[in-house]
Protein backbone atom coordinates (compact mmCIF):
# COMPACT_ATOMS: atom_id res chain seq x y z
CA MET A 1 41.63 19.34 -16.82
CA LYS A 2 40.67 19.27 -13.38
CA ARG A 3 36.96 20.69 -14.40
CA PHE A 4 35.92 17.97 -16.34
CA PRO A 5 35.47 14.99 -13.26
CA ARG A 6 33.65 17.86 -11.74
CA LEU A 7 31.46 18.43 -14.55
CA PHE A 8 30.74 14.71 -14.79
CA ALA A 9 29.80 14.83 -10.79
CA ALA A 10 27.42 17.60 -11.66
CA ALA A 11 25.85 15.65 -14.43
CA SER A 12 25.89 12.58 -12.19
CA VAL A 13 23.40 14.24 -9.78
CA LEU A 14 21.18 15.93 -12.19
CA CYS A 15 21.00 12.62 -14.17
CA SER A 16 20.21 11.22 -10.43
CA LEU A 17 17.36 13.31 -9.86
CA ALA A 18 16.22 13.34 -13.11
CA ALA A 19 15.51 9.27 -12.62
CA ALA A 20 13.99 10.11 -9.28
CA GLY A 21 11.34 12.05 -10.69
CA GLY A 22 13.32 15.46 -11.40
CA ALA A 23 14.83 17.89 -10.06
CA ARG A 24 11.49 19.34 -8.49
CA ALA A 25 11.16 16.39 -6.39
CA ALA A 26 14.27 16.96 -4.47
CA THR A 27 12.73 20.24 -3.44
CA VAL A 28 9.49 19.03 -1.88
CA ASP A 29 9.47 19.64 1.53
CA ALA A 30 8.13 17.52 3.88
CA THR A 31 6.52 19.94 6.57
CA ARG A 32 5.36 22.27 3.96
CA MET A 33 3.35 19.17 2.41
CA MET A 34 1.98 18.11 5.52
CA ALA A 35 0.73 21.63 6.02
CA LEU A 36 -0.91 21.79 2.75
CA ALA A 37 -2.39 18.51 3.19
CA GLN A 38 -4.08 19.30 6.37
CA SER A 39 -5.54 23.06 4.89
CA SER A 40 -6.72 21.11 2.19
CA GLY A 41 -8.85 18.77 4.01
CA CYS A 42 -6.78 15.57 2.69
CA LEU A 43 -5.55 14.51 6.13
CA ALA A 44 -9.81 14.38 6.82
CA CYS A 45 -9.74 10.87 4.83
CA HIS A 46 -5.69 9.96 4.62
CA ALA A 47 -3.59 9.27 7.05
CA LEU A 48 0.20 9.07 6.81
CA HIS A 49 0.55 4.98 8.29
CA ARG A 50 -2.31 4.04 8.96
CA THR A 51 -5.99 3.32 7.04
CA LYS A 52 -8.95 6.06 7.76
CA VAL A 53 -11.55 6.63 5.02
CA ALA A 54 -8.93 6.38 2.32
CA PRO A 55 -5.59 4.44 2.42
CA SER A 56 -2.46 5.74 4.20
CA TYR A 57 -0.30 7.53 2.32
CA ASP A 58 2.21 4.74 2.93
CA ALA A 59 -0.02 2.30 0.93
CA ILE A 60 -0.52 4.82 -2.01
CA ALA A 61 3.52 4.91 -2.10
CA GLN A 62 3.65 1.08 -1.98
CA ARG A 63 0.74 0.20 -4.67
CA PHE A 64 2.78 2.97 -6.92
CA GLN A 65 6.06 2.23 -6.43
CA GLY A 66 8.11 1.72 -10.07
CA HIS A 67 5.12 3.17 -11.69
CA ALA A 68 6.27 5.18 -14.41
CA ASP A 69 3.47 7.64 -14.71
CA ALA A 70 2.63 7.41 -11.01
CA VAL A 71 2.98 10.97 -10.17
CA GLN A 72 1.05 12.05 -13.09
CA THR A 73 -1.79 9.41 -12.12
CA LEU A 74 -1.67 10.68 -8.52
CA GLN A 75 -1.83 14.22 -9.57
CA ASN A 76 -4.75 13.68 -11.82
CA ALA A 77 -6.79 11.81 -9.05
CA ILE A 78 -6.17 14.70 -6.30
CA LEU A 79 -6.82 17.08 -8.94
CA ASN A 80 -10.06 15.87 -10.74
CA GLY A 81 -10.86 12.96 -8.06
CA HIS A 82 -11.31 9.19 -8.89
CA SER A 83 -13.08 5.93 -7.60
CA GLY A 84 -12.58 2.39 -7.54
CA THR A 85 -9.05 1.67 -7.05
CA TRP A 86 -9.44 1.21 -3.44
CA GLY A 87 -13.12 0.36 -3.13
CA ILE A 88 -16.20 2.04 -3.35
CA VAL A 89 -15.32 5.42 -1.16
CA PRO A 90 -14.87 8.14 -3.74
CA MET A 91 -11.99 10.32 -3.88
CA PRO A 92 -13.12 13.95 -4.22
CA SER A 93 -11.96 16.48 -6.70
CA TYR A 94 -9.13 19.17 -5.35
CA GLY A 95 -8.60 20.76 -8.70
CA GLY A 96 -10.80 22.59 -10.78
CA ALA A 97 -14.11 24.61 -9.93
CA GLN A 98 -13.16 23.54 -6.29
CA GLY A 99 -10.36 24.95 -6.73
CA LEU A 100 -8.31 23.92 -3.27
CA LEU A 101 -5.51 22.99 -5.24
CA THR A 102 -3.39 24.02 -8.10
CA PRO A 103 -1.27 21.51 -10.46
CA ALA A 104 1.53 22.25 -8.99
CA GLN A 105 0.66 21.86 -5.90
CA ALA A 106 -1.51 18.66 -6.28
CA GLN A 107 2.23 17.36 -8.27
CA ASP A 108 4.15 18.32 -4.70
CA LEU A 109 1.62 16.29 -3.13
CA ALA A 110 2.05 13.21 -5.30
CA ARG A 111 5.63 13.42 -5.14
CA TRP A 112 5.96 13.93 -1.47
CA VAL A 113 3.06 10.34 -0.59
CA LEU A 114 5.66 8.54 -3.63
CA SER A 115 8.27 9.38 -1.64
CA MET A 116 7.20 7.49 1.57
CA ALA A 117 7.62 4.37 -0.70
CA GLN A 118 11.31 4.91 -1.30
CA PRO A 119 14.55 3.84 0.71
CA GLY A 120 14.75 6.79 3.24
CA GLY A 121 11.07 7.77 2.63
CA ALA A 122 10.56 8.39 6.31
CA ALA A 123 12.91 11.58 5.82
CA ALA A 124 10.04 12.35 3.80
CA ARG A 125 7.67 12.38 6.58
CA PRO A 126 7.47 15.47 9.27
């Protein structure tokens, strides 16, 4: 009988992870994501806390906070490029023929950026 409280506690943790964007969100390593953003060229236009050519990751996280499809929207923008959301400067494509990022890498980057708007988001930054 003592196993049931532990089972419910484990189920509660899993549900919390799912509500926060899935178990994968908990495994996104900020140091690894910063290295990936640097090596892929993302930081040529973006910065964590200030606007450069493109919006800061903080601003992106704030804009998409609470959007159910935020991870997919950002993953799509990273892989396929995008324009119009932040002004006239287009976001180049980092997937497809460019082959700079895989869909999984783009999803991890999207989750990392979005984590910056959550309480404790500073922990998501290296």
